[in-house]
N, C-alpha and C. Protein backbone atom coordinates (compact mmCIF):
# COMPACT_ATOMS: atom_id res chain seq x y z
N MET A 1 0.70 -1.46 0.13
CA MET A 1 0.04 -0.03 0.15
C MET A 1 0.97 1.08 -0.18
N PRO A 2 0.90 2.09 -0.67
CA PRO A 2 1.74 3.15 -0.96
C PRO A 2 0.97 4.24 0.28
N THR A 3 2.28 4.90 0.38
CA THR A 3 2.42 5.63 1.45
C THR A 3 1.32 7.21 1.19
N ILE A 4 0.96 8.12 2.02
CA ILE A 4 0.16 9.25 1.68
C ILE A 4 1.12 10.38 1.14
N GLN A 5 2.60 10.33 1.40
CA GLN A 5 3.51 11.22 0.89
C GLN A 5 3.80 10.22 -0.85
N GLN A 6 3.71 9.57 -0.95
CA GLN A 6 3.36 8.56 -2.42
C GLN A 6 2.03 9.22 -3.18
N ILE A 7 1.15 9.23 -2.41
CA ILE A 7 -0.10 9.70 -3.01
C ILE A 7 0.24 10.69 -3.34
N ILE A 8 0.32 11.54 -2.92
CA ILE A 8 0.75 12.96 -3.00
C ILE A 8 1.43 13.32 -4.16
N GLN A 9 2.55 12.85 -4.41
CA GLN A 9 3.35 13.00 -5.21
C GLN A 9 2.97 12.79 -6.71
N SER A 10 1.79 11.71 -6.62
CA SER A 10 1.75 11.38 -8.07
C SER A 10 1.34 12.07 -8.76
N ASN A 11 1.34 12.10 -10.05
CA ASN A 11 0.90 12.94 -11.40
C ASN A 11 -0.65 12.79 -11.39
N LYS A 12 -1.18 11.51 -10.99
CA LYS A 12 -2.87 11.16 -11.39
C LYS A 12 -3.46 12.16 -9.97
N ILE A 13 -3.03 12.83 -9.20
CA ILE A 13 -3.61 13.26 -8.05
C ILE A 13 -3.51 14.30 -8.01
N GLU A 14 -4.75 15.42 -7.87
CA GLU A 14 -4.26 16.89 -7.46
C GLU A 14 -4.70 17.17 -6.39
N SER A 15 -4.34 18.46 -6.16
CA SER A 15 -4.63 19.14 -4.79
C SER A 15 -6.23 20.10 -4.96
N ILE A 16 -6.76 19.74 -4.16
CA ILE A 16 -7.96 20.75 -4.63
C ILE A 16 -8.10 21.43 -3.01
N TYR A 17 -9.23 22.92 -2.90
CA TYR A 17 -9.53 23.35 -1.61
C TYR A 17 -10.95 22.60 -1.38
N ALA A 18 -11.28 22.34 0.05
CA ALA A 18 -12.90 21.43 0.24
C ALA A 18 -13.02 21.80 1.40
N LEU A 19 -14.36 21.77 1.38
CA LEU A 19 -15.10 21.59 2.93
C LEU A 19 -15.13 20.07 3.44
N VAL A 20 -14.57 19.37 4.34
CA VAL A 20 -14.72 17.91 4.33
C VAL A 20 -15.56 18.23 5.63
N TYR A 21 -16.04 17.14 6.02
CA TYR A 21 -17.32 17.17 7.01
C TYR A 21 -16.35 15.72 8.03
N THR A 22 -16.07 15.79 9.45
CA THR A 22 -15.27 15.25 10.30
C THR A 22 -16.31 15.34 11.82
N PRO A 23 -16.68 14.85 12.63
CA PRO A 23 -17.17 14.73 13.78
C PRO A 23 -16.37 15.34 14.36
N ASN A 24 -14.86 14.26 14.47
CA ASN A 24 -13.90 14.86 15.43
C ASN A 24 -12.31 15.54 14.70
N ARG A 25 -12.28 16.60 14.15
CA ARG A 25 -11.04 16.91 13.63
C ARG A 25 -9.63 16.46 14.34
N GLN A 26 -9.60 16.42 15.38
CA GLN A 26 -8.38 16.49 15.88
C GLN A 26 -7.69 14.88 15.70
N ARG A 27 -8.42 13.96 16.31
CA ARG A 27 -8.17 12.48 15.97
C ARG A 27 -8.79 11.80 14.44
N SER A 28 -8.94 13.40 13.72
CA SER A 28 -8.88 12.78 12.01
C SER A 28 -7.91 11.69 11.53
N ARG A 29 -8.49 10.52 10.95
CA ARG A 29 -6.92 9.57 10.43
C ARG A 29 -6.93 10.30 9.27
N HIS A 30 -7.15 11.48 8.74
CA HIS A 30 -6.34 12.05 7.96
C HIS A 30 -6.62 11.83 6.08
N ARG A 31 -7.48 11.08 6.28
CA ARG A 31 -8.26 10.44 5.26
C ARG A 31 -9.58 10.74 5.34
N PHE A 32 -10.22 10.48 3.93
CA PHE A 32 -11.84 10.77 4.10
C PHE A 32 -12.45 10.33 2.72
N PRO A 33 -13.66 9.62 2.85
CA PRO A 33 -14.33 9.50 1.90
C PRO A 33 -14.70 10.46 1.15
N GLU A 34 -15.27 10.10 -0.19
CA GLU A 34 -15.45 11.10 -0.83
C GLU A 34 -16.98 11.63 -0.63
N ASN A 35 -17.65 10.94 -0.12
CA ASN A 35 -19.28 11.39 0.27
C ASN A 35 -18.73 12.57 1.47
N CYS A 36 -17.67 12.49 1.98
CA CYS A 36 -17.27 13.76 3.11
C CYS A 36 -16.56 14.84 2.79
N VAL A 37 -16.22 14.89 1.65
CA VAL A 37 -15.98 15.97 0.66
C VAL A 37 -16.33 16.69 -0.26
N PHE A 38 -16.71 18.43 -0.16
CA PHE A 38 -17.32 19.19 -0.66
C PHE A 38 -16.50 19.92 -1.14
N LYS A 39 -16.30 19.82 -3.06
CA LYS A 39 -14.87 20.25 -3.79
C LYS A 39 -15.48 22.31 -3.39
N MET A 40 -14.14 22.75 -3.44
CA MET A 40 -14.56 24.21 -3.46
C MET A 40 -13.84 24.90 -4.76
N ASP A 41 -13.93 26.46 -5.10
CA ASP A 41 -13.35 26.69 -6.20
C ASP A 41 -12.15 27.24 -5.57
N GLY A 42 -12.05 27.52 -4.68
CA GLY A 42 -10.62 27.95 -3.98
C GLY A 42 -10.59 28.25 -2.35
N GLU A 43 -9.49 28.60 -1.88
CA GLU A 43 -9.12 28.55 -0.64
C GLU A 43 -10.01 29.48 0.07
N GLN A 44 -10.18 30.96 -0.30
CA GLN A 44 -10.98 31.56 0.57
C GLN A 44 -12.77 31.03 0.24
N GLU A 45 -13.09 30.87 -0.32
CA GLU A 45 -14.70 30.06 -0.77
C GLU A 45 -14.81 29.07 0.08
N ALA A 46 -13.40 28.09 0.70
CA ALA A 46 -13.96 27.08 1.73
C ALA A 46 -13.53 27.55 2.49
N LYS A 47 -12.78 28.62 3.18
CA LYS A 47 -12.63 29.44 4.50
C LYS A 47 -14.24 29.86 4.98
N THR A 48 -14.39 30.65 3.45
CA THR A 48 -15.85 30.97 3.87
C THR A 48 -17.05 31.17 4.27
N ALA A 49 -16.73 29.07 3.63
CA ALA A 49 -18.32 28.25 3.81
C ALA A 49 -18.13 27.28 5.21
N ALA A 50 -16.67 27.23 5.79
CA ALA A 50 -16.83 26.65 7.01
C ALA A 50 -17.58 26.85 7.79
N ASN A 51 -18.36 25.87 8.46
CA ASN A 51 -19.05 25.99 9.77
C ASN A 51 -18.97 24.60 10.31
N PRO A 52 -18.08 25.09 11.48
CA PRO A 52 -17.75 24.15 12.37
C PRO A 52 -19.00 23.05 13.41
N ASN A 53 -19.84 24.13 13.50
CA ASN A 53 -20.88 23.96 13.87
C ASN A 53 -22.29 22.38 13.61
N LYS A 54 -21.64 22.48 12.25
CA LYS A 54 -22.00 21.26 11.44
C LYS A 54 -20.90 20.18 10.92
N ASN A 55 -20.13 20.94 11.54
CA ASN A 55 -18.65 19.53 11.73
C ASN A 55 -17.81 19.66 9.83
N LEU A 56 -18.23 20.89 9.21
CA LEU A 56 -17.40 21.18 8.17
C LEU A 56 -16.35 22.59 8.08
N TYR A 57 -14.90 21.77 7.52
CA TYR A 57 -14.09 22.39 8.25
C TYR A 57 -13.32 22.42 6.78
N PRO A 58 -12.59 23.73 6.70
CA PRO A 58 -12.13 23.83 5.49
C PRO A 58 -10.07 23.19 4.87
N ALA A 59 -10.18 22.93 4.11
CA ALA A 59 -8.84 21.93 3.61
C ALA A 59 -8.08 21.94 2.79
N LEU A 60 -7.12 21.83 2.98
CA LEU A 60 -6.39 21.51 1.19
C LEU A 60 -6.29 19.75 1.40
N ILE A 61 -6.92 19.36 0.17
CA ILE A 61 -6.91 17.81 0.57
C ILE A 61 -6.46 17.45 -1.17
N CYS A 62 -5.54 16.00 -1.01
CA CYS A 62 -5.58 15.76 -2.68
C CYS A 62 -6.40 14.12 -2.58
N GLY A 63 -6.40 13.82 -3.94
CA GLY A 63 -7.37 12.88 -4.59
C GLY A 63 -7.97 13.07 -5.90
N PRO A 64 -9.01 12.06 -5.64
CA PRO A 64 -8.91 10.66 -5.00
C PRO A 64 -8.12 9.51 -5.21
N SER A 65 -8.16 8.71 -4.39
CA SER A 65 -7.26 7.60 -4.52
C SER A 65 -8.29 6.11 -4.15
N LYS A 66 -8.18 5.42 -5.04
CA LYS A 66 -8.83 4.03 -4.85
C LYS A 66 -8.60 3.10 -3.94
N SER A 67 -9.06 2.62 -2.81
CA SER A 67 -8.46 2.25 -1.71
C SER A 67 -9.02 0.89 -1.77
N SER A 68 -7.84 0.04 -1.47
CA SER A 68 -7.90 -1.80 -1.35
C SER A 68 -9.44 -2.06 -1.10
N GLU A 69 -10.31 -1.40 -0.69
CA GLU A 69 -11.54 -1.74 -0.09
C GLU A 69 -12.58 -1.06 -1.30
N GLY A 70 -12.14 -0.32 -2.08
CA GLY A 70 -12.82 -0.13 -3.58
C GLY A 70 -13.56 1.44 -3.17
N TYR A 71 -13.16 2.46 -2.73
CA TYR A 71 -13.61 3.52 -1.82
C TYR A 71 -13.31 4.19 -2.11
N MET A 72 -13.36 5.78 -2.57
CA MET A 72 -12.56 6.98 -3.41
C MET A 72 -11.73 7.31 -2.15
N LEU A 73 -10.56 7.60 -2.18
CA LEU A 73 -10.30 8.26 -0.86
C LEU A 73 -9.36 9.61 -1.47
N TYR A 74 -10.00 10.81 -0.39
CA TYR A 74 -9.01 12.27 -0.25
C TYR A 74 -8.35 11.93 0.92
N TYR A 75 -7.29 13.03 0.86
CA TYR A 75 -6.15 12.55 1.79
C TYR A 75 -5.67 13.66 2.09
N LEU A 76 -5.82 14.40 3.60
CA LEU A 76 -5.22 15.70 4.11
C LEU A 76 -4.13 16.13 3.77
N ILE A 77 -3.71 17.36 3.55
CA ILE A 77 -2.40 17.92 3.19
C ILE A 77 -2.55 19.28 4.58
N GLU A 78 -3.38 19.69 4.89
CA GLU A 78 -3.73 20.70 5.68
C GLU A 78 -4.75 21.34 5.86
N TRP A 79 -5.16 21.71 7.08
CA TRP A 79 -6.31 22.08 7.83
C TRP A 79 -6.18 23.86 7.31
N LEU A 80 -6.87 24.47 6.90
CA LEU A 80 -6.95 26.16 6.76
C LEU A 80 -7.02 27.11 7.17
N ASP A 81 -7.45 26.71 9.00
CA ASP A 81 -7.89 27.79 9.93
C ASP A 81 -6.97 27.40 10.89
């Protein structure tokens, strides 16, 4: 299984600004299924649309990448706030 760094460096993977739904950001595994990721046009849009009360946090992510179970996953590069 490739490491997150190998996935990020892959030419097939793009970096994306997004809102990420996660109930507990501090304990996050730093990978998210595609149904928890809402793509945004840019960093400012992601920051503006963030809503911590609804567990939506702005992030720079990369992906998607197919997991061994067949799920499409996105990987956290950094939280934006």
